[in-house]
Amino acid sequence: MWEERITAEQREARELQLADYGLDPARI
């Protein structure tokens, strides 16, 4: 189950990319 959801718009507003979450590239 996922607990929180961060949309692309929310990441853009915070000036964050997928790489900032370790998802570009993904660890696993």
PDB file of all heavy atoms in Angstrom:
ATOM      1  N   MET A   1       0.841  -1.202   0.000  1.00  0.00           N
ATOM      2  CA  MET A   1       0.000   0.000   0.000  1.00  0.00           C
ATOM      3  C   MET A   1       0.873   1.247   0.000  1.00  0.00           C
ATOM      4  O   MET A   1       1.874   1.306   0.708  1.00  0.00           O
ATOM      5  CB  MET A   1      -0.893   0.022   1.243  1.00  0.00           C
ATOM      6  CG  MET A   1      -1.672  -1.259   1.488  1.00  0.00           C
ATOM      7  SD  MET A   1      -3.119  -1.433   0.436  1.00  0.00           S
ATOM      8  CE  MET A   1      -4.240  -0.294   1.233  1.00  0.00           C
ATOM      9  N   TRP A   2       0.503   2.233  -0.820  1.00  0.00           N
ATOM     10  CA  TRP A   2       1.229   3.494  -0.760  1.00  0.00           C
ATOM     11  C   TRP A   2       0.564   4.417   0.255  1.00  0.00           C
ATOM     12  O   TRP A   2      -0.634   4.335   0.498  1.00  0.00           O
ATOM     13  CB  TRP A   2       1.330   4.162  -2.124  1.00  0.00           C
ATOM     14  CG  TRP A   2       0.046   4.468  -2.840  1.00  0.00           C
ATOM     15  CD1 TRP A   2      -0.570   3.699  -3.790  1.00  0.00           C
ATOM     16  CD2 TRP A   2      -0.769   5.641  -2.692  1.00  0.00           C
ATOM     17  NE1 TRP A   2      -1.708   4.309  -4.246  1.00  0.00           N
ATOM     18  CE2 TRP A   2      -1.856   5.510  -3.595  1.00  0.00           C
ATOM     19  CE3 TRP A   2      -0.694   6.782  -1.907  1.00  0.00           C
ATOM     20  CZ2 TRP A   2      -2.849   6.465  -3.715  1.00  0.00           C
ATOM     21  CZ3 TRP A   2      -1.681   7.744  -2.023  1.00  0.00           C
ATOM     22  CH2 TRP A   2      -2.743   7.581  -2.911  1.00  0.00           C
ATOM     23  N   GLU A   3       1.374   5.295   0.841  1.00  0.00           N
ATOM     24  CA  GLU A   3       0.895   6.164   1.905  1.00  0.00           C
ATOM     25  C   GLU A   3       0.713   7.607   1.443  1.00  0.00           C
ATOM     26  O   GLU A   3      -0.269   8.251   1.793  1.00  0.00           O
ATOM     27  CB  GLU A   3       1.874   6.113   3.084  1.00  0.00           C
ATOM     28  CG  GLU A   3       1.992   4.707   3.687  1.00  0.00           C
ATOM     29  CD  GLU A   3       3.050   4.618   4.759  1.00  0.00           C
ATOM     30  OE1 GLU A   3       3.861   5.562   4.880  1.00  0.00           O
ATOM     31  OE2 GLU A   3       3.077   3.605   5.483  1.00  0.00           O
ATOM     32  N   GLU A   4       1.655   8.133   0.653  1.00  0.00           N
ATOM     33  CA  GLU A   4       1.540   9.487   0.130  1.00  0.00           C
ATOM     34  C   GLU A   4       1.803   9.477  -1.372  1.00  0.00           C
ATOM     35  O   GLU A   4       2.510   8.604  -1.876  1.00  0.00           O
ATOM     36  CB  GLU A   4       2.539  10.427   0.816  1.00  0.00           C
ATOM     37  CG  GLU A   4       2.282  10.612   2.304  1.00  0.00           C
ATOM     38  CD  GLU A   4       3.274  11.557   2.932  1.00  0.00           C
ATOM     39  OE1 GLU A   4       4.031  12.213   2.172  1.00  0.00           O
ATOM     40  OE2 GLU A   4       3.319  11.647   4.165  1.00  0.00           O
ATOM     41  N   ARG A   5       1.235  10.459  -2.045  1.00  0.00           N
ATOM     42  CA  ARG A   5       1.362  10.543  -3.503  1.00  0.00           C
ATOM     43  C   ARG A   5       1.793  11.958  -3.877  1.00  0.00           C
ATOM     44  O   ARG A   5       1.111  12.932  -3.548  1.00  0.00           O
ATOM     45  CB  ARG A   5       0.035  10.183  -4.167  1.00  0.00           C
ATOM     46  CG  ARG A   5       0.080  10.059  -5.676  1.00  0.00           C
ATOM     47  CD  ARG A   5      -1.255   9.505  -6.172  1.00  0.00           C
ATOM     48  NE  ARG A   5      -1.248   9.290  -7.602  1.00  0.00           N
ATOM     49  CZ  ARG A   5      -1.608  10.206  -8.492  1.00  0.00           C
ATOM     50  NH1 ARG A   5      -2.003  11.403  -8.081  1.00  0.00           N
ATOM     51  NH2 ARG A   5      -1.574   9.927  -9.784  1.00  0.00           N
ATOM     52  N   ILE A   6       2.935  12.071  -4.549  1.00  0.00           N
ATOM     53  CA  ILE A   6       3.473  13.367  -4.957  1.00  0.00           C
ATOM     54  C   ILE A   6       3.347  13.462  -6.475  1.00  0.00           C
ATOM     55  O   ILE A   6       4.023  12.740  -7.213  1.00  0.00           O
ATOM     56  CB  ILE A   6       4.940  13.520  -4.529  1.00  0.00           C
ATOM     57  CG1 ILE A   6       5.086  13.241  -3.028  1.00  0.00           C
ATOM     58  CG2 ILE A   6       5.468  14.902  -4.868  1.00  0.00           C
ATOM     59  CD1 ILE A   6       6.519  13.103  -2.574  1.00  0.00           C
ATOM     60  N   THR A   7       2.481  14.345  -6.964  1.00  0.00           N
ATOM     61  CA  THR A   7       2.222  14.441  -8.394  1.00  0.00           C
ATOM     62  C   THR A   7       3.356  15.184  -9.103  1.00  0.00           C
ATOM     63  O   THR A   7       4.191  15.840  -8.474  1.00  0.00           O
ATOM     64  CB  THR A   7       0.903  15.175  -8.647  1.00  0.00           C
ATOM     65  OG1 THR A   7       1.028  16.530  -8.192  1.00  0.00           O
ATOM     66  CG2 THR A   7      -0.244  14.488  -7.915  1.00  0.00           C
ATOM     67  N   ALA A   8       3.351  15.095 -10.437  1.00  0.00           N
ATOM     68  CA  ALA A   8       4.356  15.801 -11.232  1.00  0.00           C
ATOM     69  C   ALA A   8       4.234  17.310 -11.038  1.00  0.00           C
ATOM     70  O   ALA A   8       5.246  18.029 -11.014  1.00  0.00           O
ATOM     71  CB  ALA A   8       4.201  15.437 -12.705  1.00  0.00           C
ATOM     72  N   GLU A   9       2.997  17.810 -10.901  1.00  0.00           N
ATOM     73  CA  GLU A   9       2.795  19.240 -10.680  1.00  0.00           C
ATOM     74  C   GLU A   9       3.378  19.682  -9.350  1.00  0.00           C
ATOM     75  O   GLU A   9       3.985  20.763  -9.237  1.00  0.00           O
ATOM     76  CB  GLU A   9       1.293  19.570 -10.733  1.00  0.00           C
ATOM     77  CG  GLU A   9       0.664  19.429 -12.104  1.00  0.00           C
ATOM     78  CD  GLU A   9       0.411  17.974 -12.485  1.00  0.00           C
ATOM     79  OE1 GLU A   9       0.503  17.100 -11.588  1.00  0.00           O
ATOM     80  OE2 GLU A   9       0.140  17.708 -13.673  1.00  0.00           O
ATOM     81  N   GLN A  10       3.207  18.871  -8.320  1.00  0.00           N
ATOM     82  CA  GLN A  10       3.765  19.203  -7.008  1.00  0.00           C
ATOM     83  C   GLN A  10       5.287  19.192  -7.042  1.00  0.00           C
ATOM     84  O   GLN A  10       5.930  20.041  -6.423  1.00  0.00           O
ATOM     85  CB  GLN A  10       3.232  18.219  -5.959  1.00  0.00           C
ATOM     86  CG  GLN A  10       1.752  18.377  -5.668  1.00  0.00           C
ATOM     87  CD  GLN A  10       1.220  17.271  -4.790  1.00  0.00           C
ATOM     88  OE1 GLN A  10       1.659  16.122  -4.852  1.00  0.00           O
ATOM     89  NE2 GLN A  10       0.245  17.601  -3.944  1.00  0.00           N
ATOM     90  N   ARG A  11       5.859  18.237  -7.770  1.00  0.00           N
ATOM     91  CA  ARG A  11       7.326  18.193  -7.874  1.00  0.00           C
ATOM     92  C   ARG A  11       7.835  19.419  -8.645  1.00  0.00           C
ATOM     93  O   ARG A  11       8.872  19.988  -8.291  1.00  0.00           O
ATOM     94  CB  ARG A  11       7.773  16.908  -8.584  1.00  0.00           C
ATOM     95  CG  ARG A  11       7.425  15.639  -7.836  1.00  0.00           C
ATOM     96  CD  ARG A  11       8.263  14.464  -8.324  1.00  0.00           C
ATOM     97  NE  ARG A  11       8.169  14.269  -9.756  1.00  0.00           N
ATOM     98  CZ  ARG A  11       7.229  13.529 -10.343  1.00  0.00           C
ATOM     99  NH1 ARG A  11       6.296  12.939  -9.617  1.00  0.00           N
ATOM    100  NH2 ARG A  11       7.208  13.377 -11.656  1.00  0.00           N
ATOM    101  N   GLU A  12       7.112  19.803  -9.679  1.00  0.00           N
ATOM    102  CA  GLU A  12       7.531  20.963 -10.464  1.00  0.00           C
ATOM    103  C   GLU A  12       7.476  22.229  -9.614  1.00  0.00           C
ATOM    104  O   GLU A  12       8.365  23.095  -9.716  1.00  0.00           O
ATOM    105  CB  GLU A  12       6.626  21.108 -11.687  1.00  0.00           C
ATOM    106  CG  GLU A  12       7.033  22.232 -12.628  1.00  0.00           C
ATOM    107  CD  GLU A  12       6.157  22.299 -13.857  1.00  0.00           C
ATOM    108  OE1 GLU A  12       5.322  21.393 -14.050  1.00  0.00           O
ATOM    109  OE2 GLU A  12       6.308  23.268 -14.636  1.00  0.00           O
ATOM    110  N   ALA A  13       6.443  22.337  -8.771  1.00  0.00           N
ATOM    111  CA  ALA A  13       6.327  23.509  -7.903  1.00  0.00           C
ATOM    112  C   ALA A  13       7.471  23.566  -6.897  1.00  0.00           C
ATOM    113  O   ALA A  13       7.898  24.654  -6.499  1.00  0.00           O
ATOM    114  CB  ALA A  13       4.983  23.485  -7.180  1.00  0.00           C
ATOM    115  N   ARG A  14       7.980  22.402  -6.511  1.00  0.00           N
ATOM    116  CA  ARG A  14       9.096  22.356  -5.557  1.00  0.00           C
ATOM    117  C   ARG A  14      10.450  22.302  -6.257  1.00  0.00           C
ATOM    118  O   ARG A  14      11.484  22.195  -5.606  1.00  0.00           O
ATOM    119  CB  ARG A  14       8.942  21.113  -4.668  1.00  0.00           C
ATOM    120  CG  ARG A  14       7.646  21.066  -3.883  1.00  0.00           C
ATOM    121  CD  ARG A  14       7.491  19.734  -3.175  1.00  0.00           C
ATOM    122  NE  ARG A  14       6.165  19.584  -2.592  1.00  0.00           N
ATOM    123  CZ  ARG A  14       5.732  18.468  -2.001  1.00  0.00           C
ATOM    124  NH1 ARG A  14       6.541  17.401  -1.933  1.00  0.00           N
ATOM    125  NH2 ARG A  14       4.519  18.404  -1.486  1.00  0.00           N
ATOM    126  N   GLU A  15      10.412  22.330  -7.592  1.00  0.00           N
ATOM    127  CA  GLU A  15      11.633  22.267  -8.408  1.00  0.00           C
ATOM    128  C   GLU A  15      12.416  20.983  -8.107  1.00  0.00           C
ATOM    129  O   GLU A  15      13.631  20.988  -7.944  1.00  0.00           O
ATOM    130  CB  GLU A  15      12.510  23.497  -8.178  1.00  0.00           C
ATOM    131  CG  GLU A  15      11.838  24.796  -8.600  1.00  0.00           C
ATOM    132  CD  GLU A  15      12.752  26.002  -8.435  1.00  0.00           C
ATOM    133  OE1 GLU A  15      13.843  25.837  -7.862  1.00  0.00           O
ATOM    134  OE2 GLU A  15      12.367  27.099  -8.886  1.00  0.00           O
ATOM    135  N   LEU A  16      11.689  19.872  -8.065  1.00  0.00           N
ATOM    136  CA  LEU A  16      12.290  18.564  -7.813  1.00  0.00           C
ATOM    137  C   LEU A  16      12.080  17.653  -9.021  1.00  0.00           C
ATOM    138  O   LEU A  16      11.060  17.733  -9.707  1.00  0.00           O
ATOM    139  CB  LEU A  16      11.670  17.912  -6.566  1.00  0.00           C
ATOM    140  CG  LEU A  16      11.921  18.618  -5.230  1.00  0.00           C
ATOM    141  CD1 LEU A  16      11.122  17.956  -4.121  1.00  0.00           C
ATOM    142  CD2 LEU A  16      13.415  18.604  -4.896  1.00  0.00           C
ATOM    143  N   GLN A  17      13.064  16.785  -9.270  1.00  0.00           N
ATOM    144  CA  GLN A  17      13.007  15.824 -10.361  1.00  0.00           C
ATOM    145  C   GLN A  17      12.951  14.406  -9.781  1.00  0.00           C
ATOM    146  O   GLN A  17      13.170  14.198  -8.585  1.00  0.00           O
ATOM    147  CB  GLN A  17      14.232  15.978 -11.272  1.00  0.00           C
ATOM    148  CG  GLN A  17      14.453  17.386 -11.785  1.00  0.00           C
ATOM    149  CD  GLN A  17      13.328  17.845 -12.695  1.00  0.00           C
ATOM    150  OE1 GLN A  17      12.756  17.052 -13.441  1.00  0.00           O
ATOM    151  NE2 GLN A  17      13.023  19.142 -12.648  1.00  0.00           N
ATOM    152  N   LEU A  18      12.668  13.432 -10.644  1.00  0.00           N
ATOM    153  CA  LEU A  18      12.643  12.036 -10.191  1.00  0.00           C
ATOM    154  C   LEU A  18      13.995  11.621  -9.606  1.00  0.00           C
ATOM    155  O   LEU A  18      14.053  10.804  -8.684  1.00  0.00           O
ATOM    156  CB  LEU A  18      12.266  11.111 -11.349  1.00  0.00           C
ATOM    157  CG  LEU A  18      10.809  11.180 -11.828  1.00  0.00           C
ATOM    158  CD1 LEU A  18      10.610  10.272 -13.035  1.00  0.00           C
ATOM    159  CD2 LEU A  18       9.858  10.780 -10.704  1.00  0.00           C
ATOM    160  N   ALA A  19      15.080  12.186 -10.137  1.00  0.00           N
ATOM    161  CA  ALA A  19      16.410  11.856  -9.628  1.00  0.00           C
ATOM    162  C   ALA A  19      16.569  12.251  -8.171  1.00  0.00           C
ATOM    163  O   ALA A  19      17.342  11.627  -7.422  1.00  0.00           O
ATOM    164  CB  ALA A  19      17.485  12.531 -10.474  1.00  0.00           C
ATOM    165  N   ASP A  20      15.849  13.267  -7.727  1.00  0.00           N
ATOM    166  CA  ASP A  20      15.929  13.707  -6.331  1.00  0.00           C
ATOM    167  C   ASP A  20      15.336  12.684  -5.376  1.00  0.00           C
ATOM    168  O   ASP A  20      15.585  12.736  -4.168  1.00  0.00           O
ATOM    169  CB  ASP A  20      15.214  15.052  -6.160  1.00  0.00           C
ATOM    170  CG  ASP A  20      15.896  16.162  -6.948  1.00  0.00           C
ATOM    171  OD1 ASP A  20      17.127  16.287  -6.847  1.00  0.00           O
ATOM    172  OD2 ASP A  20      15.191  16.880  -7.684  1.00  0.00           O
ATOM    173  N   TYR A  21      14.549  11.760  -5.911  1.00  0.00           N
ATOM    174  CA  TYR A  21      13.944  10.698  -5.106  1.00  0.00           C
ATOM    175  C   TYR A  21      14.642   9.349  -5.332  1.00  0.00           C
ATOM    176  O   TYR A  21      14.179   8.323  -4.846  1.00  0.00           O
ATOM    177  CB  TYR A  21      12.461  10.551  -5.437  1.00  0.00           C
ATOM    178  CG  TYR A  21      11.653  11.796  -5.178  1.00  0.00           C
ATOM    179  CD1 TYR A  21      11.463  12.749  -6.183  1.00  0.00           C
ATOM    180  CD2 TYR A  21      11.078  12.031  -3.934  1.00  0.00           C
ATOM    181  CE1 TYR A  21      10.721  13.899  -5.946  1.00  0.00           C
ATOM    182  CE2 TYR A  21      10.334  13.179  -3.697  1.00  0.00           C
ATOM    183  CZ  TYR A  21      10.165  14.111  -4.699  1.00  0.00           C
ATOM    184  OH  TYR A  21       9.429  15.260  -4.466  1.00  0.00           O
ATOM    185  N   GLY A  22      15.724   9.364  -6.088  1.00  0.00           N
ATOM    186  CA  GLY A  22      16.413   8.114  -6.386  1.00  0.00           C
ATOM    187  C   GLY A  22      15.684   7.259  -7.398  1.00  0.00           C
ATOM    188  O   GLY A  22      15.860   6.038  -7.429  1.00  0.00           O
ATOM    189  N   LEU A  23      14.887   7.905  -8.271  1.00  0.00           N
ATOM    190  CA  LEU A  23      14.058   7.168  -9.225  1.00  0.00           C
ATOM    191  C   LEU A  23      14.462   7.391 -10.677  1.00  0.00           C
ATOM    192  O   LEU A  23      13.771   6.921 -11.578  1.00  0.00           O
ATOM    193  CB  LEU A  23      12.589   7.562  -9.037  1.00  0.00           C
ATOM    194  CG  LEU A  23      11.960   7.114  -7.712  1.00  0.00           C
ATOM    195  CD1 LEU A  23      10.617   7.773  -7.512  1.00  0.00           C
ATOM    196  CD2 LEU A  23      11.832   5.598  -7.676  1.00  0.00           C
ATOM    197  N   ASP A  24      15.545   8.090 -10.919  1.00  0.00           N
ATOM    198  CA  ASP A  24      16.018   8.292 -12.291  1.00  0.00           C
ATOM    199  C   ASP A  24      17.555   8.282 -12.305  1.00  0.00           C
ATOM    200  O   ASP A  24      18.180   9.338 -12.247  1.00  0.00           O
ATOM    201  CB  ASP A  24      15.486   9.609 -12.848  1.00  0.00           C
ATOM    202  CG  ASP A  24      15.787   9.768 -14.334  1.00  0.00           C
ATOM    203  OD1 ASP A  24      16.091   8.750 -14.979  1.00  0.00           O
ATOM    204  OD2 ASP A  24      15.721  10.907 -14.825  1.00  0.00           O
ATOM    205  N   PRO A  25      18.150   7.076 -12.389  1.00  0.00           N
ATOM    206  CA  PRO A  25      17.487   5.776 -12.507  1.00  0.00           C
ATOM    207  C   PRO A  25      17.046   5.238 -11.147  1.00  0.00           C
ATOM    208  O   PRO A  25      17.529   5.699 -10.100  1.00  0.00           O
ATOM    209  CB  PRO A  25      18.578   4.898 -13.107  1.00  0.00           C
ATOM    210  CG  PRO A  25      19.838   5.481 -12.536  1.00  0.00           C
ATOM    211  CD  PRO A  25      19.619   6.974 -12.489  1.00  0.00           C
ATOM    212  N   ALA A  26      16.152   4.250 -11.178  1.00  0.00           N
ATOM    213  CA  ALA A  26      15.669   3.645  -9.937  1.00  0.00           C
ATOM    214  C   ALA A  26      16.720   2.718  -9.349  1.00  0.00           C
ATOM    215  O   ALA A  26      17.530   2.141 -10.067  1.00  0.00           O
ATOM    216  CB  ALA A  26      14.383   2.870 -10.207  1.00  0.00           C
ATOM    217  N   ARG A  27      16.713   2.591  -8.035  1.00  0.00           N
ATOM    218  CA  ARG A  27      17.631   1.674  -7.356  1.00  0.00           C
ATOM    219  C   ARG A  27      17.276   0.213  -7.649  1.00  0.00           C
ATOM    220  O   ARG A  27      18.125  -0.610  -7.911  1.00  0.00           O
ATOM    221  CB  ARG A  27      17.600   1.909  -5.853  1.00  0.00           C
ATOM    222  CG  ARG A  27      17.839   3.353  -5.430  1.00  0.00           C
ATOM    223  CD  ARG A  27      19.272   3.758  -5.642  1.00  0.00           C
ATOM    224  NE  ARG A  27      19.524   5.083  -5.085  1.00  0.00           N
ATOM    225  CZ  ARG A  27      19.973   6.118  -5.771  1.00  0.00           C
ATOM    226  NH1 ARG A  27      20.222   5.988  -7.073  1.00  0.00           N
ATOM    227  NH2 ARG A  27      20.183   7.282  -5.188  1.00  0.00           N
ATOM    228  N   ILE A  28      15.981  -0.064  -7.597  1.00  0.00           N
ATOM    229  CA  ILE A  28      15.481  -1.430  -7.812  1.00  0.00           C
ATOM    230  C   ILE A  28      14.202  -1.334  -8.628  1.00  0.00           C
ATOM    231  O   ILE A  28      13.398  -0.417  -8.435  1.00  0.00           O
ATOM    232  CB  ILE A  28      15.188  -2.146  -6.471  1.00  0.00           C
ATOM    233  CG1 ILE A  28      16.443  -2.225  -5.600  1.00  0.00           C
ATOM    234  CG2 ILE A  28      14.625  -3.542  -6.712  1.00  0.00           C
ATOM    235  CD1 ILE A  28      16.179  -2.768  -4.208  1.00  0.00           C
TER     236      ILE A  28
END
